[in-house]
């Protein structure tokens, strides 16, 4: 893949990401490139080699960012679901225990009334 093909693939991926609501990935990648987060080599020999390398680096940087966005998003979803299940289970257990306590309390009261009625007859 030459520099022109890499740049074209880079631009197409950027467009696809923006169309699919992953604009935040595009913004981070472009900010990273602008800030110098990827190391683009200094010109030493021919500009064509440098351009190829730079285009390939940008494309690789973007692909890495997409992988991270997808992996991290899936991990976050999984963690959120696990956490939500745990919280819902806790809430359900607390509600069940409250109902059991109330039922037990009612039975005690009924038993106490029966016991009192029994002793009142003596």
C-alpha atoms as a PDB file:
ATOM      1  CA  UNK A   1       0.000   0.000   0.000  1.00  0.00           C
ATOM      2  CA  UNK A   2       1.551   3.294  -1.067  1.00  0.00           C
ATOM      3  CA  UNK A   3       1.107   6.678   0.595  1.00  0.00           C
ATOM      4  CA  UNK A   4      -1.766   7.689  -1.637  1.00  0.00           C
ATOM      5  CA  UNK A   5      -3.697   4.477  -0.937  1.00  0.00           C
ATOM      6  CA  UNK A   6      -2.997   4.757   2.796  1.00  0.00           C
ATOM      7  CA  UNK A   7      -4.193   8.351   2.839  1.00  0.00           C
ATOM      8  CA  UNK A   8      -7.330   7.406   0.897  1.00  0.00           C
ATOM      9  CA  UNK A   9      -8.067   4.546   3.305  1.00  0.00           C
ATOM     10  CA  UNK A  10      -7.438   6.908   6.233  1.00  0.00           C
ATOM     11  CA  UNK A  11      -9.894   9.488   4.862  1.00  0.00           C
ATOM     12  CA  UNK A  12     -12.542   6.843   4.083  1.00  0.00           C
ATOM     13  CA  UNK A  13     -12.266   5.430   7.608  1.00  0.00           C
ATOM     14  CA  UNK A  14     -12.589   8.921   9.063  1.00  0.00           C
ATOM     15  CA  UNK A  15     -15.738   9.500   7.023  1.00  0.00           C
ATOM     16  CA  UNK A  16     -17.223   6.133   8.005  1.00  0.00           C
ATOM     17  CA  UNK A  17     -16.544   6.813  11.684  1.00  0.00           C
ATOM     18  CA  UNK A  18     -18.193  10.222  11.549  1.00  0.00           C
ATOM     19  CA  UNK A  19     -21.228   8.745   9.760  1.00  0.00           C
ATOM     20  CA  UNK A  20     -21.604   6.074  12.445  1.00  0.00           C
ATOM     21  CA  UNK A  21     -21.437   8.389  15.461  1.00  0.00           C
ATOM     22  CA  UNK A  22     -17.799   7.717  16.254  1.00  0.00           C
ATOM     23  CA  UNK A  23     -16.825  11.321  15.631  1.00  0.00           C
ATOM     24  CA  UNK A  24     -15.190  11.397  19.048  1.00  0.00           C
ATOM     25  CA  UNK A  25     -12.654   8.796  17.814  1.00  0.00           C
ATOM     26  CA  UNK A  26     -11.915  10.967  14.780  1.00  0.00           C
ATOM     27  CA  UNK A  27     -11.426  14.019  17.004  1.00  0.00           C
ATOM     28  CA  UNK A  28      -9.059  12.146  19.319  1.00  0.00           C
ATOM     29  CA  UNK A  29      -7.021  10.701  16.460  1.00  0.00           C
ATOM     30  CA  UNK A  30      -6.667  14.031  14.697  1.00  0.00           C
ATOM     31  CA  UNK A  31      -5.823  15.767  17.970  1.00  0.00           C
ATOM     32  CA  UNK A  32      -3.239  13.057  18.668  1.00  0.00           C
ATOM     33  CA  UNK A  33      -1.664  13.496  15.253  1.00  0.00           C
ATOM     34  CA  UNK A  34      -1.682  17.281  15.634  1.00  0.00           C
ATOM     35  CA  UNK A  35      -0.163  17.028  19.126  1.00  0.00           C
ATOM     36  CA  UNK A  36       2.538  14.702  17.847  1.00  0.00           C
ATOM     37  CA  UNK A  37       1.391  11.547  19.605  1.00  0.00           C
ATOM     38  CA  UNK A  38       2.547   9.548  16.613  1.00  0.00           C
ATOM     39  CA  UNK A  39       6.140   9.849  15.623  1.00  0.00           C
ATOM     40  CA  UNK A  40       6.514  10.889  12.025  1.00  0.00           C
ATOM     41  CA  UNK A  41      10.111  10.518  10.814  1.00  0.00           C
ATOM     42  CA  UNK A  42      12.196  13.496   9.829  1.00  0.00           C
ATOM     43  CA  UNK A  43      13.040  13.905   6.181  1.00  0.00           C
ATOM     44  CA  UNK A  44      16.307  12.077   5.549  1.00  0.00           C
ATOM     45  CA  UNK A  45      16.335  10.530   2.118  1.00  0.00           C
ATOM     46  CA  UNK A  46      13.489  10.853  -0.323  1.00  0.00           C
ATOM     47  CA  UNK A  47      10.185  12.586   0.367  1.00  0.00           C
ATOM     48  CA  UNK A  48       8.274   9.616  -1.126  1.00  0.00           C
ATOM     49  CA  UNK A  49       9.538   7.225   1.555  1.00  0.00           C
ATOM     50  CA  UNK A  50       8.683   9.751   4.269  1.00  0.00           C
ATOM     51  CA  UNK A  51       5.208  10.362   2.842  1.00  0.00           C
ATOM     52  CA  UNK A  52       4.538   6.609   2.605  1.00  0.00           C
ATOM     53  CA  UNK A  53       5.675   6.076   6.164  1.00  0.00           C
ATOM     54  CA  UNK A  54       3.674   9.020   7.479  1.00  0.00           C
ATOM     55  CA  UNK A  55       0.501   7.924   5.697  1.00  0.00           C
ATOM     56  CA  UNK A  56       0.974   4.355   6.926  1.00  0.00           C
ATOM     57  CA  UNK A  57       1.594   5.593  10.477  1.00  0.00           C
ATOM     58  CA  UNK A  58      -1.544   7.747  10.432  1.00  0.00           C
ATOM     59  CA  UNK A  59      -3.618   4.848   9.125  1.00  0.00           C
ATOM     60  CA  UNK A  60      -2.178   2.456  11.729  1.00  0.00           C
ATOM     61  CA  UNK A  61      -2.831   5.049  14.454  1.00  0.00           C
ATOM     62  CA  UNK A  62      -6.455   5.330  13.311  1.00  0.00           C
ATOM     63  CA  UNK A  63      -6.940   1.553  13.136  1.00  0.00           C
ATOM     64  CA  UNK A  64      -5.470   1.219  16.645  1.00  0.00           C
ATOM     65  CA  UNK A  65      -7.867   3.904  17.894  1.00  0.00           C
ATOM     66  CA  UNK A  66     -10.838   2.114  16.297  1.00  0.00           C
ATOM     67  CA  UNK A  67      -9.789  -1.177  17.907  1.00  0.00           C
ATOM     68  CA  UNK A  68      -9.495   0.512  21.282  1.00  0.00           C
ATOM     69  CA  UNK A  69     -12.836   2.277  20.910  1.00  0.00           C
ATOM     70  CA  UNK A  70     -14.601  -0.963  20.018  1.00  0.00           C
ATOM     71  CA  UNK A  71     -12.835  -3.081  22.644  1.00  0.00           C
ATOM     72  CA  UNK A  72     -13.187  -0.486  25.392  1.00  0.00           C
ATOM     73  CA  UNK A  73     -16.832   0.134  24.530  1.00  0.00           C
ATOM     74  CA  UNK A  74     -17.595  -3.590  24.659  1.00  0.00           C
ATOM     75  CA  UNK A  75     -15.735  -3.903  27.969  1.00  0.00           C
ATOM     76  CA  UNK A  76     -17.622  -0.933  29.408  1.00  0.00           C
ATOM     77  CA  UNK A  77     -20.949  -2.395  28.285  1.00  0.00           C
ATOM     78  CA  UNK A  78     -20.084  -5.735  29.850  1.00  0.00           C
ATOM     79  CA  UNK A  79     -18.991  -4.117  33.128  1.00  0.00           C
ATOM     80  CA  UNK A  80     -22.107  -1.931  33.176  1.00  0.00           C
ATOM     81  CA  UNK A  81     -24.365  -4.944  32.667  1.00  0.00           C
ATOM     82  CA  UNK A  82     -22.605  -6.913  35.408  1.00  0.00           C
ATOM     83  CA  UNK A  83     -22.858  -3.965  37.778  1.00  0.00           C
ATOM     84  CA  UNK A  84     -26.503  -3.390  36.900  1.00  0.00           C
ATOM     85  CA  UNK A  85     -27.345  -7.052  37.451  1.00  0.00           C
ATOM     86  CA  UNK A  86     -25.633  -6.981  40.842  1.00  0.00           C
ATOM     87  CA  UNK A  87     -27.485  -3.826  41.886  1.00  0.00           C
ATOM     88  CA  UNK A  88     -30.845  -5.148  40.699  1.00  0.00           C
ATOM     89  CA  UNK A  89     -30.249  -8.409  42.498  1.00  0.00           C
ATOM     90  CA  UNK A  90     -29.369  -6.520  45.679  1.00  0.00           C
ATOM     91  CA  UNK A  91     -32.512  -4.404  45.414  1.00  0.00           C
ATOM     92  CA  UNK A  92     -34.625  -7.486  44.795  1.00  0.00           C
ATOM     93  CA  UNK A  93     -33.114  -9.289  47.790  1.00  0.00           C
ATOM     94  CA  UNK A  94     -33.742  -6.287  50.052  1.00  0.00           C
ATOM     95  CA  UNK A  95     -37.366  -6.052  48.901  1.00  0.00           C
ATOM     96  CA  UNK A  96     -37.906  -9.774  49.453  1.00  0.00           C
ATOM     97  CA  UNK A  97     -36.389  -9.544  52.931  1.00  0.00           C
ATOM     98  CA  UNK A  98     -38.610  -6.564  53.794  1.00  0.00           C
ATOM     99  CA  UNK A  99     -41.706  -8.482  52.704  1.00  0.00           C
ATOM    100  CA  UNK A 100     -40.622 -11.541  54.659  1.00  0.00           C
ATOM    101  CA  UNK A 101     -40.054  -9.402  57.730  1.00  0.00           C
ATOM    102  CA  UNK A 102     -43.512  -7.845  57.390  1.00  0.00           C
ATOM    103  CA  UNK A 103     -45.116 -11.252  56.930  1.00  0.00           C
ATOM    104  CA  UNK A 104     -43.251 -12.613  59.928  1.00  0.00           C
ATOM    105  CA  UNK A 105     -44.316  -9.581  61.949  1.00  0.00           C
ATOM    106  CA  UNK A 106     -47.963 -10.164  60.960  1.00  0.00           C
ATOM    107  CA  UNK A 107     -47.766 -13.800  61.989  1.00  0.00           C
ATOM    108  CA  UNK A 108     -46.223 -12.807  65.327  1.00  0.00           C
ATOM    109  CA  UNK A 109     -48.999 -10.279  65.912  1.00  0.00           C
ATOM    110  CA  UNK A 110     -51.645 -12.852  65.065  1.00  0.00           C
ATOM    111  CA  UNK A 111     -49.971 -15.383  67.348  1.00  0.00           C
ATOM    112  CA  UNK A 112     -49.741 -12.770  70.114  1.00  0.00           C
ATOM    113  CA  UNK A 113     -53.446 -11.948  69.730  1.00  0.00           C
ATOM    114  CA  UNK A 114     -54.331 -15.617  69.845  1.00  0.00           C
ATOM    115  CA  UNK A 115     -52.102 -16.081  72.873  1.00  0.00           C
ATOM    116  CA  UNK A 116     -53.637 -13.045  74.601  1.00  0.00           C
ATOM    117  CA  UNK A 117     -57.151 -14.268  73.786  1.00  0.00           C
ATOM    118  CA  UNK A 118     -56.240 -17.659  75.136  1.00  0.00           C
ATOM    119  CA  UNK A 119     -54.966 -16.209  78.438  1.00  0.00           C
ATOM    120  CA  UNK A 120     -57.871 -13.779  78.725  1.00  0.00           C
ATOM    121  CA  UNK A 121     -60.207 -16.746  78.894  1.00  0.00           C
ATOM    122  CA  UNK A 122     -58.502 -17.961  82.069  1.00  0.00           C
END
